[in-house]
Structures are given as C-alpha cells and as structure tokens.
Amino acid sequence: QVQLVESGGGLVQAGGSLRLSCAASRSLFSIDVMGWYRQAPGQQRELVATITRGSIINYADSAKGRFTISRDNTENTVSLQMSTLKPEDTAVYYCTARLFRGPIAYDYWGQGTQVTISS
C-alpha cells in the first residue's frame, strides 16, 4: 500500500508557474512508477508526466517543454514544476504510484490538488 499526499495547487495567472509536490508513505525505491495525471471538468483523466524508479521520464505532449517532473529519494517526494501555464492547464492534478507484483500492476492515487489558471 502507498499513501500519497499532494500539495502546491492554487490559482495562478496565465504565464505563471506552480510547483506541485507529492509525498509518498514509503520509499520511492519501492515504487516502480510515480506520476502526475490531471482531470479537467467534464473530461477524462489524462497523463501529465511519469518517472520510473530508474528515473526514466515521460511527458504528455501538452507538458513537454513547460513541465518538469522530478523526484527526491531522500524525502520520498515527487514534484511537478509547471511553467508558462495556460488556462487549459486548469484541472485537478493527481499524484499516482504504480507497483508491479509480477504481471499485476497496483495503482494508488492521491486525493488531488486543484490548479486554476486565470486568463
């Protein structure tokens, strides 16, 4: 089991920056993939970025060049630095952790943090 707690959301003007953090209840070395997803009103949840235990990073096209995911193994936190924010980035952002046990993947989610970008 993994508990995830996000922080850092808020209201920012377009063009601004925000940094989201996610604290995990266990060592990041025991988690195969950490990531961020987001869900805008009336839309499906979508991938923003992921980072593996080996620090392989993947970004959604919408995040490339503007967002940076990173991990702090000593603090067991994963962060998402977001820059040049746009109104379409408005969403609830969720931290996620995936653990593989053989062929089975177990996914854990945080409660979400609201990010609102004003135009």
PDB file of N, CA and C in Angstrom:
ATOM      1  N   GLN A   1       0.841  -1.195   0.000  1.00  0.00           N
ATOM      2  CA  GLN A   1       0.000   0.000   0.000  1.00  0.00           C
ATOM      3  C   GLN A   1       0.873   1.241   0.000  1.00  0.00           C
ATOM      4  N   VAL A   2       0.333   2.283  -0.648  1.00  0.00           N
ATOM      5  CA  VAL A   2       1.028   3.566  -0.693  1.00  0.00           C
ATOM      6  C   VAL A   2       0.012   4.659  -0.442  1.00  0.00           C
ATOM      7  N   GLN A   3       0.312   5.538   0.483  1.00  0.00           N
ATOM      8  CA  GLN A   3      -0.493   6.750   0.646  1.00  0.00           C
ATOM      9  C   GLN A   3       0.249   7.906  -0.014  1.00  0.00           C
ATOM     10  N   LEU A   4      -0.513   8.724  -0.728  1.00  0.00           N
ATOM     11  CA  LEU A   4       0.065   9.847  -1.464  1.00  0.00           C
ATOM     12  C   LEU A   4      -0.653  11.120  -1.058  1.00  0.00           C
ATOM     13  N   VAL A   5       0.105  12.143  -0.779  1.00  0.00           N
ATOM     14  CA  VAL A   5      -0.476  13.425  -0.386  1.00  0.00           C
ATOM     15  C   VAL A   5       0.107  14.515  -1.264  1.00  0.00           C
ATOM     16  N   GLU A   6      -0.777  15.165  -2.031  1.00  0.00           N
ATOM     17  CA  GLU A   6      -0.343  16.246  -2.916  1.00  0.00           C
ATOM     18  C   GLU A   6      -0.447  17.590  -2.202  1.00  0.00           C
ATOM     19  N   SER A   7       0.353  18.513  -2.674  1.00  0.00           N
ATOM     20  CA  SER A   7       0.275  19.883  -2.191  1.00  0.00           C
ATOM     21  C   SER A   7       0.784  20.811  -3.286  1.00  0.00           C
ATOM     22  N   GLY A   8       0.476  22.101  -3.137  1.00  0.00           N
ATOM     23  CA  GLY A   8       1.042  23.091  -4.049  1.00  0.00           C
ATOM     24  C   GLY A   8       0.100  23.642  -5.090  1.00  0.00           C
ATOM     25  N   GLY A   9      -1.137  23.161  -5.137  1.00  0.00           N
ATOM     26  CA  GLY A   9      -2.074  23.709  -6.102  1.00  0.00           C
ATOM     27  C   GLY A   9      -2.484  25.125  -5.729  1.00  0.00           C
ATOM     28  N   GLY A  10      -3.216  25.755  -6.638  1.00  0.00           N
ATOM     29  CA  GLY A  10      -3.685  27.099  -6.360  1.00  0.00           C
ATOM     30  C   GLY A  10      -4.149  27.808  -7.612  1.00  0.00           C
ATOM     31  N   LEU A  11      -4.325  29.114  -7.459  1.00  0.00           N
ATOM     32  CA  LEU A  11      -4.783  29.972  -8.548  1.00  0.00           C
ATOM     33  C   LEU A  11      -3.614  30.817  -9.030  1.00  0.00           C
ATOM     34  N   VAL A  12      -3.363  30.761 -10.324  1.00  0.00           N
ATOM     35  CA  VAL A  12      -2.244  31.487 -10.917  1.00  0.00           C
ATOM     36  C   VAL A  12      -2.708  32.105 -12.230  1.00  0.00           C
ATOM     37  N   GLN A  13      -2.148  33.239 -12.569  1.00  0.00           N
ATOM     38  CA  GLN A  13      -2.446  33.847 -13.866  1.00  0.00           C
ATOM     39  C   GLN A  13      -1.739  33.113 -14.987  1.00  0.00           C
ATOM     40  N   ALA A  14      -2.322  33.202 -16.161  1.00  0.00           N
ATOM     41  CA  ALA A  14      -1.692  32.602 -17.337  1.00  0.00           C
ATOM     42  C   ALA A  14      -0.271  33.145 -17.503  1.00  0.00           C
ATOM     43  N   GLY A  15       0.627  32.227 -17.842  1.00  0.00           N
ATOM     44  CA  GLY A  15       2.036  32.586 -17.980  1.00  0.00           C
ATOM     45  C   GLY A  15       2.837  32.378 -16.712  1.00  0.00           C
ATOM     46  N   GLY A  16       2.156  32.131 -15.617  1.00  0.00           N
ATOM     47  CA  GLY A  16       2.825  31.941 -14.341  1.00  0.00           C
ATOM     48  C   GLY A  16       3.307  30.523 -14.140  1.00  0.00           C
ATOM     49  N   SER A  17       3.769  30.269 -12.919  1.00  0.00           N
ATOM     50  CA  SER A  17       4.340  28.961 -12.576  1.00  0.00           C
ATOM     51  C   SER A  17       3.740  28.446 -11.282  1.00  0.00           C
ATOM     52  N   LEU A  18       3.769  27.138 -11.150  1.00  0.00           N
ATOM     53  CA  LEU A  18       3.366  26.470  -9.912  1.00  0.00           C
ATOM     54  C   LEU A  18       4.224  25.235  -9.758  1.00  0.00           C
ATOM     55  N   ARG A  19       4.425  24.847  -8.506  1.00  0.00           N
ATOM     56  CA  ARG A  19       5.138  23.621  -8.222  1.00  0.00           C
ATOM     57  C   ARG A  19       4.253  22.737  -7.358  1.00  0.00           C
ATOM     58  N   LEU A  20       3.961  21.565  -7.858  1.00  0.00           N
ATOM     59  CA  LEU A  20       3.195  20.581  -7.102  1.00  0.00           C
ATOM     60  C   LEU A  20       4.152  19.570  -6.476  1.00  0.00           C
ATOM     61  N   SER A  21       3.801  19.127  -5.287  1.00  0.00           N
ATOM     62  CA  SER A  21       4.594  18.097  -4.621  1.00  0.00           C
ATOM     63  C   SER A  21       3.701  16.951  -4.196  1.00  0.00           C
ATOM     64  N   CYS A  22       4.284  15.786  -4.161  1.00  0.00           N
ATOM     65  CA  CYS A  22       3.566  14.580  -3.744  1.00  0.00           C
ATOM     66  C   CYS A  22       4.462  13.824  -2.779  1.00  0.00           C
ATOM     67  N   ALA A  23       3.967  13.635  -1.574  1.00  0.00           N
ATOM     68  CA  ALA A  23       4.708  12.887  -0.568  1.00  0.00           C
ATOM     69  C   ALA A  23       4.174  11.466  -0.507  1.00  0.00           C
ATOM     70  N   ALA A  24       5.069  10.510  -0.633  1.00  0.00           N
ATOM     71  CA  ALA A  24       4.700   9.094  -0.571  1.00  0.00           C
ATOM     72  C   ALA A  24       4.985   8.534   0.814  1.00  0.00           C
ATOM     73  N   SER A  25       4.182   7.545   1.201  1.00  0.00           N
ATOM     74  CA  SER A  25       4.300   6.971   2.545  1.00  0.00           C
ATOM     75  C   SER A  25       5.375   5.903   2.635  1.00  0.00           C
ATOM     76  N   ARG A  26       6.035   5.605   1.539  1.00  0.00           N
ATOM     77  CA  ARG A  26       7.092   4.613   1.553  1.00  0.00           C
ATOM     78  C   ARG A  26       8.208   5.061   0.629  1.00  0.00           C
ATOM     79  N   SER A  27       9.313   4.369   0.711  1.00  0.00           N
ATOM     80  CA  SER A  27      10.467   4.738  -0.086  1.00  0.00           C
ATOM     81  C   SER A  27      10.149   4.703  -1.579  1.00  0.00           C
ATOM     82  N   LEU A  28      10.602   5.727  -2.291  1.00  0.00           N
ATOM     83  CA  LEU A  28      10.403   5.743  -3.737  1.00  0.00           C
ATOM     84  C   LEU A  28      11.132   4.591  -4.417  1.00  0.00           C
ATOM     85  N   PHE A  29      12.127   4.045  -3.765  1.00  0.00           N
ATOM     86  CA  PHE A  29      12.847   2.913  -4.352  1.00  0.00           C
ATOM     87  C   PHE A  29      11.981   1.658  -4.392  1.00  0.00           C
ATOM     88  N   SER A  30      10.885   1.655  -3.628  1.00  0.00           N
ATOM     89  CA  SER A  30       9.983   0.509  -3.627  1.00  0.00           C
ATOM     90  C   SER A  30       8.813   0.701  -4.590  1.00  0.00           C
ATOM     91  N   ILE A  31       8.783   1.835  -5.277  1.00  0.00           N
ATOM     92  CA  ILE A  31       7.694   2.166  -6.194  1.00  0.00           C
ATOM     93  C   ILE A  31       8.238   2.174  -7.610  1.00  0.00           C
ATOM     94  N   ASP A  32       7.570   1.454  -8.492  1.00  0.00           N
ATOM     95  CA  ASP A  32       8.098   1.313  -9.848  1.00  0.00           C
ATOM     96  C   ASP A  32       7.925   2.576 -10.695  1.00  0.00           C
ATOM     97  N   VAL A  33       6.754   3.180 -10.600  1.00  0.00           N
ATOM     98  CA  VAL A  33       6.496   4.382 -11.391  1.00  0.00           C
ATOM     99  C   VAL A  33       5.713   5.384 -10.543  1.00  0.00           C
ATOM    100  N   MET A  34       6.163   6.614 -10.549  1.00  0.00           N
ATOM    101  CA  MET A  34       5.406   7.718  -9.953  1.00  0.00           C
ATOM    102  C   MET A  34       4.977   8.649 -11.076  1.00  0.00           C
ATOM    103  N   GLY A  35       3.855   9.306 -10.873  1.00  0.00           N
ATOM    104  CA  GLY A  35       3.430  10.178 -11.950  1.00  0.00           C
ATOM    105  C   GLY A  35       2.389  11.186 -11.533  1.00  0.00           C
ATOM    106  N   TRP A  36       2.063  12.026 -12.486  1.00  0.00           N
ATOM    107  CA  TRP A  36       1.014  13.022 -12.317  1.00  0.00           C
ATOM    108  C   TRP A  36       0.007  12.876 -13.459  1.00  0.00           C
ATOM    109  N   TYR A  37      -1.251  12.891 -13.074  1.00  0.00           N
ATOM    110  CA  TYR A  37      -2.353  12.928 -14.019  1.00  0.00           C
ATOM    111  C   TYR A  37      -3.185  14.157 -13.695  1.00  0.00           C
ATOM    112  N   ARG A  38      -4.054  14.533 -14.608  1.00  0.00           N
ATOM    113  CA  ARG A  38      -4.958  15.634 -14.339  1.00  0.00           C
ATOM    114  C   ARG A  38      -6.320  15.354 -14.953  1.00  0.00           C
ATOM    115  N   GLN A  39      -7.312  16.014 -14.359  1.00  0.00           N
ATOM    116  CA  GLN A  39      -8.674  15.857 -14.858  1.00  0.00           C
ATOM    117  C   GLN A  39      -9.368  17.209 -14.834  1.00  0.00           C
ATOM    118  N   ALA A  40      -9.716  17.678 -16.007  1.00  0.00           N
ATOM    119  CA  ALA A  40     -10.453  18.930 -16.132  1.00  0.00           C
ATOM    120  C   ALA A  40     -11.944  18.625 -16.063  1.00  0.00           C
ATOM    121  N   PRO A  41     -12.754  19.610 -15.710  1.00  0.00           N
ATOM    122  CA  PRO A  41     -14.199  19.380 -15.616  1.00  0.00           C
ATOM    123  C   PRO A  41     -14.777  18.830 -16.920  1.00  0.00           C
ATOM    124  N   GLY A  42     -15.523  17.756 -16.789  1.00  0.00           N
ATOM    125  CA  GLY A  42     -16.179  17.172 -17.951  1.00  0.00           C
ATOM    126  C   GLY A  42     -15.276  16.389 -18.875  1.00  0.00           C
ATOM    127  N   GLN A  43     -14.016  16.195 -18.458  1.00  0.00           N
ATOM    128  CA  GLN A  43     -13.078  15.480 -19.305  1.00  0.00           C
ATOM    129  C   GLN A  43     -12.509  14.270 -18.577  1.00  0.00           C
ATOM    130  N   GLN A  44     -11.924  13.391 -19.350  1.00  0.00           N
ATOM    131  CA  GLN A  44     -11.304  12.199 -18.758  1.00  0.00           C
ATOM    132  C   GLN A  44      -9.968  12.558 -18.119  1.00  0.00           C
ATOM    133  N   ARG A  45      -9.594  11.753 -17.159  1.00  0.00           N
ATOM    134  CA  ARG A  45      -8.286  11.921 -16.540  1.00  0.00           C
ATOM    135  C   ARG A  45      -7.208  11.612 -17.573  1.00  0.00           C
ATOM    136  N   GLU A  46      -6.170  12.432 -17.596  1.00  0.00           N
ATOM    137  CA  GLU A  46      -5.125  12.250 -18.602  1.00  0.00           C
ATOM    138  C   GLU A  46      -3.740  12.320 -17.970  1.00  0.00           C
ATOM    139  N   LEU A  47      -2.828  11.627 -18.611  1.00  0.00           N
ATOM    140  CA  LEU A  47      -1.443  11.617 -18.168  1.00  0.00           C
ATOM    141  C   LEU A  47      -0.811  12.989 -18.345  1.00  0.00           C
ATOM    142  N   VAL A  48      -0.013  13.384 -17.360  1.00  0.00           N
ATOM    143  CA  VAL A  48       0.805  14.588 -17.487  1.00  0.00           C
ATOM    144  C   VAL A  48       2.280  14.190 -17.619  1.00  0.00           C
ATOM    145  N   ALA A  49       2.763  13.422 -16.652  1.00  0.00           N
ATOM    146  CA  ALA A  49       4.165  13.008 -16.664  1.00  0.00           C
ATOM    147  C   ALA A  49       4.362  11.831 -15.724  1.00  0.00           C
ATOM    148  N   THR A  50       5.336  11.002 -16.043  1.00  0.00           N
ATOM    149  CA  THR A  50       5.705   9.896 -15.168  1.00  0.00           C
ATOM    150  C   THR A  50       7.216   9.818 -15.043  1.00  0.00           C
ATOM    151  N   ILE A  51       7.644   9.220 -13.942  1.00  0.00           N
ATOM    152  CA  ILE A  51       9.065   8.991 -13.715  1.00  0.00           C
ATOM    153  C   ILE A  51       9.215   7.623 -13.064  1.00  0.00           C
ATOM    154  N   THR A  52      10.100   6.810 -13.617  1.00  0.00           N
ATOM    155  CA  THR A  52      10.265   5.457 -13.097  1.00  0.00           C
ATOM    156  C   THR A  52      11.285   5.418 -11.971  1.00  0.00           C
ATOM    157  N   ARG A  53      11.381   4.252 -11.361  1.00  0.00           N
ATOM    158  CA  ARG A  53      12.360   4.084 -10.296  1.00  0.00           C
ATOM    159  C   ARG A  53      13.774   4.347 -10.817  1.00  0.00           C
ATOM    160  N   GLY A  54      13.977   4.048 -12.092  1.00  0.00           N
ATOM    161  CA  GLY A  54      15.263   4.309 -12.710  1.00  0.00           C
ATOM    162  C   GLY A  54      15.374   5.692 -13.317  1.00  0.00           C
ATOM    163  N   SER A  55      14.407   6.567 -12.990  1.00  0.00           N
ATOM    164  CA  SER A  55      14.393   7.960 -13.435  1.00  0.00           C
ATOM    165  C   SER A  55      14.192   8.137 -14.932  1.00  0.00           C
ATOM    166  N   ILE A  56      13.540   7.176 -15.558  1.00  0.00           N
ATOM    167  CA  ILE A  56      13.120   7.374 -16.938  1.00  0.00           C
ATOM    168  C   ILE A  56      11.842   8.206 -16.911  1.00  0.00           C
ATOM    169  N   ILE A  57      11.821   9.263 -17.699  1.00  0.00           N
ATOM    170  CA  ILE A  57      10.737  10.240 -17.647  1.00  0.00           C
ATOM    171  C   ILE A  57       9.944  10.230 -18.949  1.00  0.00           C
ATOM    172  N   ASN A  58       8.650  10.404 -18.793  1.00  0.00           N
ATOM    173  CA  ASN A  58       7.756  10.503 -19.942  1.00  0.00           C
ATOM    174  C   ASN A  58       6.812  11.674 -19.709  1.00  0.00           C
ATOM    175  N   TYR A  59       6.621  12.466 -20.750  1.00  0.00           N
ATOM    176  CA  TYR A  59       5.704  13.601 -20.678  1.00  0.00           C
ATOM    177  C   TYR A  59       4.614  13.480 -21.725  1.00  0.00           C
ATOM    178  N   ALA A  60       3.427  13.952 -21.373  1.00  0.00           N
ATOM    179  CA  ALA A  60       2.401  14.163 -22.380  1.00  0.00           C
ATOM    180  C   ALA A  60       2.855  15.299 -23.290  1.00  0.00           C
ATOM    181  N   ASP A  61       2.362  15.292 -24.511  1.00  0.00           N
ATOM    182  CA  ASP A  61       2.754  16.353 -25.446  1.00  0.00           C
ATOM    183  C   ASP A  61       2.422  17.735 -24.890  1.00  0.00           C
ATOM    184  N   SER A  62       1.323  17.830 -24.166  1.00  0.00           N
ATOM    185  CA  SER A  62       0.890  19.117 -23.628  1.00  0.00           C
ATOM    186  C   SER A  62       1.835  19.639 -22.545  1.00  0.00           C
ATOM    187  N   ALA A  63       2.629  18.740 -21.973  1.00  0.00           N
ATOM    188  CA  ALA A  63       3.526  19.115 -20.885  1.00  0.00           C
ATOM    189  C   ALA A  63       4.966  19.346 -21.336  1.00  0.00           C
ATOM    190  N   LYS A  64       5.310  18.828 -22.471  1.00  0.00           N
ATOM    191  CA  LYS A  64       6.695  18.922 -22.938  1.00  0.00           C
ATOM    192  C   LYS A  64       7.136  20.370 -23.091  1.00  0.00           C
ATOM    193  N   GLY A  65       8.303  20.653 -22.542  1.00  0.00           N
ATOM    194  CA  GLY A  65       8.867  21.994 -22.645  1.00  0.00           C
ATOM    195  C   GLY A  65       8.359  22.976 -21.614  1.00  0.00           C
ATOM    196  N   ARG A  66       7.303  22.614 -20.896  1.00  0.00           N
ATOM    197  CA  ARG A  66       6.740  23.531 -19.889  1.00  0.00           C
ATOM    198  C   ARG A  66       6.767  22.934 -18.491  1.00  0.00           C
ATOM    199  N   PHE A  67       6.634  21.624 -18.398  1.00  0.00           N
ATOM    200  CA  PHE A  67       6.560  20.956 -17.093  1.00  0.00           C
ATOM    201  C   PHE A  67       7.809  20.103 -16.890  1.00  0.00           C
ATOM    202  N   THR A  68       8.217  19.990 -15.633  1.00  0.00           N
ATOM    203  CA  THR A  68       9.353  19.143 -15.289  1.00  0.00           C
ATOM    204  C   THR A  68       8.989  18.297 -14.078  1.00  0.00           C
ATOM    205  N   ILE A  69       9.103  16.992 -14.240  1.00  0.00           N
ATOM    206  CA  ILE A  69       8.866  16.080 -13.117  1.00  0.00           C
ATOM    207  C   ILE A  69      10.218  15.695 -12.529  1.00  0.00           C
ATOM    208  N   SER A  70      10.246  15.589 -11.204  1.00  0.00           N
ATOM    209  CA  SER A  70      11.493  15.217 -10.547  1.00  0.00           C
ATOM    210  C   SER A  70      11.167  14.439  -9.279  1.00  0.00           C
ATOM    211  N   ARG A  71      12.180  13.779  -8.746  1.00  0.00           N
ATOM    212  CA  ARG A  71      11.972  13.000  -7.542  1.00  0.00           C
ATOM    213  C   ARG A  71      13.078  13.274  -6.551  1.00  0.00           C
ATOM    214  N   ASP A  72      12.731  13.218  -5.295  1.00  0.00           N
ATOM    215  CA  ASP A  72      13.695  13.359  -4.206  1.00  0.00           C
ATOM    216  C   ASP A  72      13.617  12.079  -3.397  1.00  0.00           C
ATOM    217  N   ASN A  73      14.587  11.220  -3.602  1.00  0.00           N
ATOM    218  CA  ASN A  73      14.548   9.911  -2.959  1.00  0.00           C
ATOM    219  C   ASN A  73      14.781   9.987  -1.452  1.00  0.00           C
ATOM    220  N   THR A  74      15.405  11.047  -0.996  1.00  0.00           N
ATOM    221  CA  THR A  74      15.640  11.161   0.448  1.00  0.00           C
ATOM    222  C   THR A  74      14.381  11.606   1.173  1.00  0.00           C
ATOM    223  N   GLU A  75      13.546  12.404   0.495  1.00  0.00           N
ATOM    224  CA  GLU A  75      12.310  12.895   1.096  1.00  0.00           C
ATOM    225  C   GLU A  75      11.091  12.078   0.666  1.00  0.00           C
ATOM    226  N   ASN A  76      11.294  11.142  -0.244  1.00  0.00           N
ATOM    227  CA  ASN A  76      10.182  10.343  -0.794  1.00  0.00           C
ATOM    228  C   ASN A  76       9.103  11.235  -1.397  1.00  0.00           C
ATOM    229  N   THR A  77       9.552  12.211  -2.160  1.00  0.00           N
ATOM    230  CA  THR A  77       8.615  13.115  -2.811  1.00  0.00           C
ATOM    231  C   THR A  77       8.862  13.167  -4.311  1.00  0.00           C
ATOM    232  N   VAL A  78       7.799  13.433  -5.019  1.00  0.00           N
ATOM    233  CA  VAL A  78       7.874  13.673  -6.453  1.00  0.00           C
ATOM    234  C   VAL A  78       7.241  15.035  -6.708  1.00  0.00           C
ATOM    235  N   SER A  79       7.893  15.821  -7.523  1.00  0.00           N
ATOM    236  CA  SER A  79       7.411  17.177  -7.782  1.00  0.00           C
ATOM    237  C   SER A  79       7.112  17.371  -9.253  1.00  0.00           C
ATOM    238  N   LEU A  80       6.247  18.325  -9.504  1.00  0.00           N
ATOM    239  CA  LEU A  80       5.933  18.722 -10.872  1.00  0.00           C
ATOM    240  C   LEU A  80       6.049  20.238 -10.942  1.00  0.00           C
ATOM    241  N   GLN A  81       7.101  20.699 -11.588  1.00  0.00           N
ATOM    242  CA  GLN A  81       7.293  22.126 -11.789  1.00  0.00           C
ATOM    243  C   GLN A  81       6.599  22.510 -13.089  1.00  0.00           C
ATOM    244  N   MET A  82       5.654  23.429 -12.978  1.00  0.00           N
ATOM    245  CA  MET A  82       4.869  23.824 -14.145  1.00  0.00           C
ATOM    246  C   MET A  82       5.130  25.293 -14.454  1.00  0.00           C
ATOM    247  N   SER A  83       5.472  25.570 -15.692  1.00  0.00           N
ATOM    248  CA  SER A  83       5.762  26.930 -16.113  1.00  0.00           C
ATOM    249  C   SER A  83       4.936  27.280 -17.336  1.00  0.00           C
ATOM    250  N   THR A  84       4.909  28.566 -17.635  1.00  0.00           N
ATOM    251  CA  THR A  84       4.159  29.058 -18.796  1.00  0.00           C
ATOM    252  C   THR A  84       2.760  28.457 -18.807  1.00  0.00           C
ATOM    253  N   LEU A  85       2.097  28.559 -17.678  1.00  0.00           N
ATOM    254  CA  LEU A  85       0.794  27.926 -17.523  1.00  0.00           C
ATOM    255  C   LEU A  85      -0.263  28.600 -18.388  1.00  0.00           C
ATOM    256  N   LYS A  86      -1.193  27.768 -18.840  1.00  0.00           N
ATOM    257  CA  LYS A  86      -2.269  28.221 -19.722  1.00  0.00           C
ATOM    258  C   LYS A  86      -3.614  27.926 -19.067  1.00  0.00           C
ATOM    259  N   PRO A  87      -4.657  28.647 -19.450  1.00  0.00           N
ATOM    260  CA  PRO A  87      -5.979  28.336 -18.875  1.00  0.00           C
ATOM    261  C   PRO A  87      -6.386  26.878 -19.080  1.00  0.00           C
ATOM    262  N   GLU A  88      -5.950  26.284 -20.177  1.00  0.00           N
ATOM    263  CA  GLU A  88      -6.305  24.881 -20.419  1.00  0.00           C
ATOM    264  C   GLU A  88      -5.562  23.909 -19.513  1.00  0.00           C
ATOM    265  N   ASP A  89      -4.644  24.402 -18.698  1.00  0.00           N
ATOM    266  CA  ASP A  89      -3.994  23.554 -17.701  1.00  0.00           C
ATOM    267  C   ASP A  89      -4.841  23.442 -16.433  1.00  0.00           C
ATOM    268  N   THR A  90      -5.923  24.198 -16.396  1.00  0.00           N
ATOM    269  CA  THR A  90      -6.813  24.135 -15.233  1.00  0.00           C
ATOM    270  C   THR A  90      -7.388  22.732 -15.087  1.00  0.00           C
ATOM    271  N   ALA A  91      -7.195  22.156 -13.901  1.00  0.00           N
ATOM    272  CA  ALA A  91      -7.639  20.780 -13.659  1.00  0.00           C
ATOM    273  C   ALA A  91      -7.333  20.424 -12.210  1.00  0.00           C
ATOM    274  N   VAL A  92      -7.864  19.288 -11.799  1.00  0.00           N
ATOM    275  CA  VAL A  92      -7.402  18.667 -10.566  1.00  0.00           C
ATOM    276  C   VAL A  92      -6.234  17.764 -10.937  1.00  0.00           C
ATOM    277  N   TYR A  93      -5.123  17.949 -10.255  1.00  0.00           N
ATOM    278  CA  TYR A  93      -3.915  17.173 -10.522  1.00  0.00           C
ATOM    279  C   TYR A  93      -3.765  16.084  -9.470  1.00  0.00           C
ATOM    280  N   TYR A  94      -3.545  14.875  -9.951  1.00  0.00           N
ATOM    281  CA  TYR A  94      -3.446  13.723  -9.081  1.00  0.00           C
ATOM    282  C   TYR A  94      -2.048  13.116  -9.160  1.00  0.00           C
ATOM    283  N   CYS A  95      -1.525  12.790  -8.014  1.00  0.00           N
ATOM    284  CA  CYS A  95      -0.285  12.025  -7.935  1.00  0.00           C
ATOM    285  C   CYS A  95      -0.638  10.549  -7.960  1.00  0.00           C
ATOM    286  N   THR A  96       0.185   9.770  -8.603  1.00  0.00           N
ATOM    287  CA  THR A  96      -0.082   8.344  -8.692  1.00  0.00           C
ATOM    288  C   THR A  96       1.189   7.533  -8.495  1.00  0.00           C
ATOM    289  N   ALA A  97       1.007   6.350  -7.965  1.00  0.00           N
ATOM    290  CA  ALA A  97       2.111   5.414  -7.790  1.00  0.00           C
ATOM    291  C   ALA A  97       1.692   4.061  -8.335  1.00  0.00           C
ATOM    292  N   ARG A  98       2.599   3.426  -9.045  1.00  0.00           N
ATOM    293  CA  ARG A  98       2.318   2.097  -9.604  1.00  0.00           C
ATOM    294  C   ARG A  98       3.382   1.122  -9.098  1.00  0.00           C
ATOM    295  N   LEU A  99       2.899   0.004  -8.565  1.00  0.00           N
ATOM    296  CA  LEU A  99       3.772  -1.070  -8.116  1.00  0.00           C
ATOM    297  C   LEU A  99       3.444  -2.322  -8.919  1.00  0.00           C
ATOM    298  N   PHE A 100       4.465  -2.963  -9.421  1.00  0.00           N
ATOM    299  CA  PHE A 100       4.284  -4.222 -10.127  1.00  0.00           C
ATOM    300  C   PHE A 100       4.619  -5.384  -9.200  1.00  0.00           C
ATOM    301  N   ARG A 101       3.708  -6.351  -9.182  1.00  0.00           N
ATOM    302  CA  ARG A 101       3.946  -7.603  -8.483  1.00  0.00           C
ATOM    303  C   ARG A 101       3.783  -8.701  -9.529  1.00  0.00           C
ATOM    304  N   GLY A 102       4.895  -9.084 -10.143  1.00  0.00           N
ATOM    305  CA  GLY A 102       4.817  -9.973 -11.299  1.00  0.00           C
ATOM    306  C   GLY A 102       4.120  -9.234 -12.416  1.00  0.00           C
ATOM    307  N   PRO A 103       3.121  -9.868 -13.024  1.00  0.00           N
ATOM    308  CA  PRO A 103       2.429  -9.231 -14.151  1.00  0.00           C
ATOM    309  C   PRO A 103       1.329  -8.264 -13.722  1.00  0.00           C
ATOM    310  N   ILE A 104       1.091  -8.152 -12.433  1.00  0.00           N
ATOM    311  CA  ILE A 104      -0.038  -7.356 -11.953  1.00  0.00           C
ATOM    312  C   ILE A 104       0.450  -5.988 -11.498  1.00  0.00           C
ATOM    313  N   ALA A 105      -0.240  -4.941 -11.964  1.00  0.00           N
ATOM    314  CA  ALA A 105       0.085  -3.578 -11.570  1.00  0.00           C
ATOM    315  C   ALA A 105      -0.934  -3.088 -10.550  1.00  0.00           C
ATOM    316  N   TYR A 106      -0.424  -2.503  -9.491  1.00  0.00           N
ATOM    317  CA  TYR A 106      -1.270  -1.922  -8.461  1.00  0.00           C
ATOM    318  C   TYR A 106      -1.084  -0.413  -8.508  1.00  0.00           C
ATOM    319  N   ASP A 107      -2.197   0.294  -8.675  1.00  0.00           N
ATOM    320  CA  ASP A 107      -2.156   1.742  -8.789  1.00  0.00           C
ATOM    321  C   ASP A 107      -2.740   2.395  -7.547  1.00  0.00           C
ATOM    322  N   TYR A 108      -2.076   3.440  -7.108  1.00  0.00           N
ATOM    323  CA  TYR A 108      -2.520   4.203  -5.957  1.00  0.00           C
ATOM    324  C   TYR A 108      -2.605   5.676  -6.351  1.00  0.00           C
ATOM    325  N   TRP A 109      -3.599   6.362  -5.783  1.00  0.00           N
ATOM    326  CA  TRP A 109      -3.849   7.755  -6.160  1.00  0.00           C
ATOM    327  C   TRP A 109      -3.924   8.640  -4.924  1.00  0.00           C
ATOM    328  N   GLY A 110      -3.464   9.863  -5.104  1.00  0.00           N
ATOM    329  CA  GLY A 110      -3.670  10.856  -4.073  1.00  0.00           C
ATOM    330  C   GLY A 110      -5.064  11.451  -4.189  1.00  0.00           C
ATOM    331  N   GLN A 111      -5.370  12.375  -3.297  1.00  0.00           N
ATOM    332  CA  GLN A 111      -6.710  12.964  -3.264  1.00  0.00           C
ATOM    333  C   GLN A 111      -6.891  14.061  -4.298  1.00  0.00           C
ATOM    334  N   GLY A 112      -5.785  14.521  -4.872  1.00  0.00           N
ATOM    335  CA  GLY A 112      -5.860  15.551  -5.899  1.00  0.00           C
ATOM    336  C   GLY A 112      -5.669  16.944  -5.336  1.00  0.00           C
ATOM    337  N   THR A 113      -5.137  17.817  -6.168  1.00  0.00           N
ATOM    338  CA  THR A 113      -4.976  19.217  -5.795  1.00  0.00           C
ATOM    339  C   THR A 113      -5.428  20.080  -6.979  1.00  0.00           C
ATOM    340  N   GLN A 114      -6.208  21.097  -6.666  1.00  0.00           N
ATOM    341  CA  GLN A 114      -6.795  21.935  -7.719  1.00  0.00           C
ATOM    342  C   GLN A 114      -5.771  22.946  -8.228  1.00  0.00           C
ATOM    343  N   VAL A 115      -5.667  23.017  -9.538  1.00  0.00           N
ATOM    344  CA  VAL A 115      -4.854  24.040 -10.203  1.00  0.00           C
ATOM    345  C   VAL A 115      -5.783  24.835 -11.109  1.00  0.00           C
ATOM    346  N   THR A 116      -5.816  26.139 -10.892  1.00  0.00           N
ATOM    347  CA  THR A 116      -6.677  27.003 -11.686  1.00  0.00           C
ATOM    348  C   THR A 116      -5.831  28.106 -12.309  1.00  0.00           C
ATOM    349  N   ILE A 117      -5.920  28.226 -13.612  1.00  0.00           N
ATOM    350  CA  ILE A 117      -5.157  29.238 -14.353  1.00  0.00           C
ATOM    351  C   ILE A 117      -6.124  30.253 -14.924  1.00  0.00           C
ATOM    352  N   SER A 118      -5.959  31.492 -14.520  1.00  0.00           N
ATOM    353  CA  SER A 118      -6.846  32.548 -14.998  1.00  0.00           C
ATOM    354  C   SER A 118      -6.237  33.218 -16.225  1.00  0.00           C
ATOM    355  N   SER A 119      -7.101  33.630 -17.119  1.00  0.00           N
ATOM    356  CA  SER A 119      -6.621  34.265 -18.365  1.00  0.00           C
ATOM    357  C   SER A 119      -6.492  35.774 -18.203  1.00  0.00           C
TER     358      SER A 119
END
